[in-house]
N, C-alpha and C. Protein backbone atom coordinates (compact mmCIF):
# COMPACT_ATOMS: atom_id res chain seq x y z
N MET A 1 164.02 132.42 179.71
CA MET A 1 163.36 131.84 178.75
C MET A 1 162.37 132.75 177.91
N THR A 2 162.22 132.81 176.72
CA THR A 2 161.25 133.82 176.27
C THR A 2 159.98 133.38 175.66
N ALA A 3 158.93 134.08 176.05
CA ALA A 3 157.65 133.77 175.62
C ALA A 3 157.43 133.12 173.98
N PRO A 4 156.63 132.32 173.98
CA PRO A 4 156.33 132.28 172.69
C PRO A 4 156.05 133.40 171.50
N LYS A 5 156.31 133.21 170.31
CA LYS A 5 155.96 134.30 169.53
C LYS A 5 154.34 134.21 169.07
N LYS A 6 153.65 135.41 169.28
CA LYS A 6 152.56 135.24 168.85
C LYS A 6 152.30 135.30 167.28
N GLU A 7 151.01 134.33 166.87
CA GLU A 7 150.84 134.44 165.44
C GLU A 7 150.24 135.67 165.14
N ILE A 8 150.82 136.59 164.28
CA ILE A 8 149.92 137.92 163.64
C ILE A 8 149.28 137.78 161.91
N SER A 9 148.25 137.74 162.24
CA SER A 9 147.59 137.72 160.86
C SER A 9 148.05 138.68 159.87
N GLU A 10 148.01 138.16 158.63
CA GLU A 10 148.37 139.24 157.51
C GLU A 10 147.24 140.82 157.42
N THR A 11 145.84 140.47 157.86
CA THR A 11 144.97 141.16 157.67
C THR A 11 145.04 141.99 159.29
N TYR A 12 145.16 141.48 159.97
CA TYR A 12 145.74 142.41 161.62
C TYR A 12 146.94 143.01 161.09
N LEU A 13 148.02 142.73 160.74
CA LEU A 13 149.25 143.47 160.02
C LEU A 13 148.76 144.75 159.27
N LYS A 14 148.09 144.50 158.05
CA LYS A 14 147.62 145.51 157.29
C LYS A 14 146.87 146.60 157.96
N SER A 15 146.04 146.11 159.14
CA SER A 15 144.96 147.14 159.43
C SER A 15 146.16 148.09 160.46
N LEU A 16 147.16 147.45 160.94
CA LEU A 16 147.76 148.28 162.07
C LEU A 16 148.93 149.08 161.38
N ALA A 17 149.38 148.64 160.13
CA ALA A 17 150.07 149.65 158.92
C ALA A 17 149.14 150.87 158.78
N ARG A 18 148.05 150.36 158.45
CA ARG A 18 147.03 151.58 157.55
C ARG A 18 146.50 152.44 158.53
N GLY A 19 146.63 152.21 159.95
CA GLY A 19 146.50 153.35 161.22
C GLY A 19 147.56 154.20 160.74
N TYR A 20 148.70 154.22 160.16
CA TYR A 20 149.50 155.17 160.06
C TYR A 20 149.47 156.06 158.88
N THR A 21 148.65 155.77 158.21
CA THR A 21 148.71 156.21 156.64
C THR A 21 148.68 157.73 157.02
N GLU A 22 148.01 158.59 157.54
CA GLU A 22 147.77 159.91 157.48
C GLU A 22 149.22 160.68 157.89
N GLN A 23 149.44 159.91 159.02
CA GLN A 23 150.76 160.21 159.75
C GLN A 23 152.14 160.29 158.35
N CYS A 24 151.99 159.01 158.09
CA CYS A 24 153.18 158.99 156.84
C CYS A 24 152.95 159.87 155.69
N VAL A 25 151.88 160.28 154.94
CA VAL A 25 151.44 161.05 154.33
C VAL A 25 151.95 162.81 154.48
N ARG A 26 151.76 162.89 156.08
CA ARG A 26 152.24 164.13 156.25
C ARG A 26 153.82 164.03 156.42
N VAL A 27 154.51 163.37 156.97
CA VAL A 27 155.80 163.33 156.71
C VAL A 27 156.51 163.47 155.73
N LEU A 28 155.84 162.54 154.58
CA LEU A 28 156.21 162.95 153.16
C LEU A 28 155.89 164.16 152.58
N GLY A 29 155.05 164.80 152.70
CA GLY A 29 154.59 166.00 152.70
C GLY A 29 155.67 167.18 153.08
N GLY A 30 155.92 167.12 154.19
CA GLY A 30 157.12 167.63 155.21
C GLY A 30 158.52 167.51 154.23
N TYR A 31 159.03 166.63 153.64
CA TYR A 31 159.99 166.25 153.08
C TYR A 31 159.88 166.95 151.70
N ALA A 32 158.51 166.60 151.24
CA ALA A 32 158.58 167.21 149.48
C ALA A 32 158.44 168.92 149.58
N ASN A 33 158.26 169.48 150.91
CA ASN A 33 158.14 171.11 150.96
C ASN A 33 159.19 171.40 151.90
N GLY A 34 159.86 170.76 152.47
CA GLY A 34 160.84 171.21 153.33
C GLY A 34 162.25 171.94 153.04
N ASP A 35 162.19 173.29 153.63
CA ASP A 35 163.64 173.86 153.51
C ASP A 35 164.65 172.75 153.90
N GLY A 36 165.92 173.08 153.20
CA GLY A 36 166.92 172.29 153.36
C GLY A 36 166.95 170.49 153.54
N VAL A 37 165.76 169.88 152.72
CA VAL A 37 165.71 168.74 152.52
C VAL A 37 166.65 168.54 151.22
N GLU A 38 167.16 167.38 150.96
CA GLU A 38 168.23 167.17 149.74
C GLU A 38 167.39 166.88 148.74
N PRO A 39 167.59 167.36 147.31
CA PRO A 39 166.53 167.31 146.54
C PRO A 39 166.22 165.92 145.74
N ASP A 40 167.09 164.94 146.06
CA ASP A 40 166.76 163.88 145.85
C ASP A 40 165.47 163.17 146.98
N ILE A 41 165.70 163.39 148.27
CA ILE A 41 164.74 163.16 148.96
C ILE A 41 163.26 163.75 148.69
N GLN A 42 163.32 165.23 148.50
CA GLN A 42 162.24 165.61 147.67
C GLN A 42 161.54 165.05 146.56
N LEU A 43 161.78 164.99 145.54
CA LEU A 43 161.67 164.14 144.47
C LEU A 43 161.33 162.91 144.73
N ARG A 44 161.85 162.36 145.41
CA ARG A 44 161.50 160.82 145.85
C ARG A 44 160.02 161.05 146.76
N SER A 45 159.83 161.85 147.38
CA SER A 45 158.74 161.91 148.44
C SER A 45 157.70 162.83 147.49
N ILE A 46 158.08 163.54 146.62
CA ILE A 46 156.79 163.90 145.72
C ILE A 46 156.32 163.02 144.77
N GLY A 47 157.22 162.04 144.26
CA GLY A 47 156.81 161.11 143.36
C GLY A 47 155.64 160.30 144.30
N MET A 48 156.14 159.76 145.57
CA MET A 48 155.58 158.69 146.14
C MET A 48 153.98 159.16 146.43
N LEU A 49 154.13 160.56 146.97
CA LEU A 49 152.79 161.61 147.14
C LEU A 49 152.01 161.35 145.88
N LEU A 50 152.47 161.43 144.92
CA LEU A 50 151.60 161.44 143.61
C LEU A 50 150.88 160.21 143.19
N ASP A 51 152.28 159.03 143.06
CA ASP A 51 151.89 157.62 143.11
C ASP A 51 150.58 157.59 143.92
N ARG A 52 150.44 157.61 145.09
CA ARG A 52 149.42 157.30 145.94
C ARG A 52 148.47 157.99 145.86
N GLY A 53 148.00 159.45 145.73
CA GLY A 53 147.33 160.09 145.38
C GLY A 53 146.19 159.69 143.75
N TRP A 54 147.04 159.64 142.89
CA TRP A 54 146.46 159.75 141.31
C TRP A 54 146.83 158.54 140.72
N GLY A 55 147.68 157.54 141.48
CA GLY A 55 148.00 156.20 140.68
C GLY A 55 148.91 156.25 139.89
N ARG A 56 149.75 155.15 139.83
CA ARG A 56 151.24 155.21 138.75
C ARG A 56 150.37 155.14 137.23
N PRO A 57 151.07 155.89 136.18
CA PRO A 57 150.44 156.01 134.94
C PRO A 57 150.29 153.91 134.54
N SER A 58 149.50 154.28 133.66
CA SER A 58 149.54 152.68 132.94
C SER A 58 150.77 152.75 131.90
N GLN A 59 151.31 151.33 131.93
CA GLN A 59 152.52 151.28 131.23
C GLN A 59 152.36 150.25 129.97
N PRO A 60 152.40 150.80 128.69
CA PRO A 60 152.03 149.69 127.63
C PRO A 60 152.90 148.67 127.48
N HIS A 61 152.44 147.57 127.36
CA HIS A 61 153.17 146.36 127.35
C HIS A 61 152.69 145.64 125.88
N ASP A 62 154.15 145.44 124.87
CA ASP A 62 153.81 145.21 123.49
C ASP A 62 154.73 144.09 123.53
N ALA A 63 154.89 142.74 123.73
CA ALA A 63 155.29 141.96 123.52
C ALA A 63 154.99 140.68 122.88
N LYS A 64 155.89 140.11 121.88
CA LYS A 64 155.49 139.11 120.72
C LYS A 64 155.91 137.76 121.29
N VAL A 65 155.03 136.82 121.61
CA VAL A 65 155.77 135.50 122.14
C VAL A 65 155.14 134.74 121.48
N GLU A 66 156.13 133.76 120.97
CA GLU A 66 155.83 132.31 120.22
C GLU A 66 155.80 131.30 121.31
N GLY A 67 155.27 130.33 120.85
CA GLY A 67 155.00 129.12 121.57
C GLY A 67 153.70 129.24 122.71
N ASP A 68 154.00 128.19 123.69
CA ASP A 68 152.80 128.03 124.73
C ASP A 68 153.61 128.85 125.96
N ILE A 69 152.72 129.26 126.73
CA ILE A 69 152.97 130.29 127.81
C ILE A 69 152.33 129.27 129.14
N ASN A 70 153.27 128.94 130.07
CA ASN A 70 153.07 127.97 131.25
C ASN A 70 153.20 129.19 132.50
N ILE A 71 151.81 128.90 133.03
CA ILE A 71 151.78 129.39 134.36
C ILE A 71 151.18 128.66 135.46
N THR A 72 152.09 128.97 136.64
CA THR A 72 152.13 128.23 137.74
C THR A 72 151.40 129.04 138.79
N ILE A 73 150.50 128.77 139.63
CA ILE A 73 149.54 129.58 140.53
C ILE A 73 150.18 128.43 141.66
N ARG A 74 150.39 128.97 143.02
CA ARG A 74 150.54 128.83 144.17
C ARG A 74 149.64 129.23 145.24
N ASN A 75 149.19 128.45 145.85
CA ASN A 75 148.34 129.14 146.94
C ASN A 75 148.73 128.53 148.42
N ILE A 76 149.40 129.65 149.03
CA ILE A 76 149.75 129.46 150.46
C ILE A 76 148.75 129.93 151.28
N LEU A 77 148.56 128.82 152.31
CA LEU A 77 147.45 129.11 153.38
C LEU A 77 148.26 129.60 154.53
N GLU A 78 147.27 130.33 155.38
CA GLU A 78 148.07 130.53 156.84
C GLU A 78 147.79 129.34 157.37
N GLY A 79 148.98 129.07 158.12
CA GLY A 79 148.70 127.94 158.91
C GLY A 79 149.15 126.78 158.69
N LYS A 80 149.66 126.59 157.59
CA LYS A 80 149.86 125.48 156.61
C LYS A 80 151.40 125.13 156.61
N LYS A 81 151.97 124.08 156.92
CA LYS A 81 153.25 123.71 157.02
C LYS A 81 153.75 122.97 155.70
């Protein structure tokens, strides 16, 4: 018999993941600067580092919409089934 799964809150999970930030950035930096690393992996690593360090450039949105726009907002609560 297996033990019941423990509920992990989203906040706790984010906190755990953020604890690896420095290590992950160092790994990306290693790929970006690494000798013998495939060029596509280097470019993706460089892009990820720049996006996180400087933010992604804003993209203009130029859309013309006729008629009504309907927006549905759903609120999902922890523990609610």
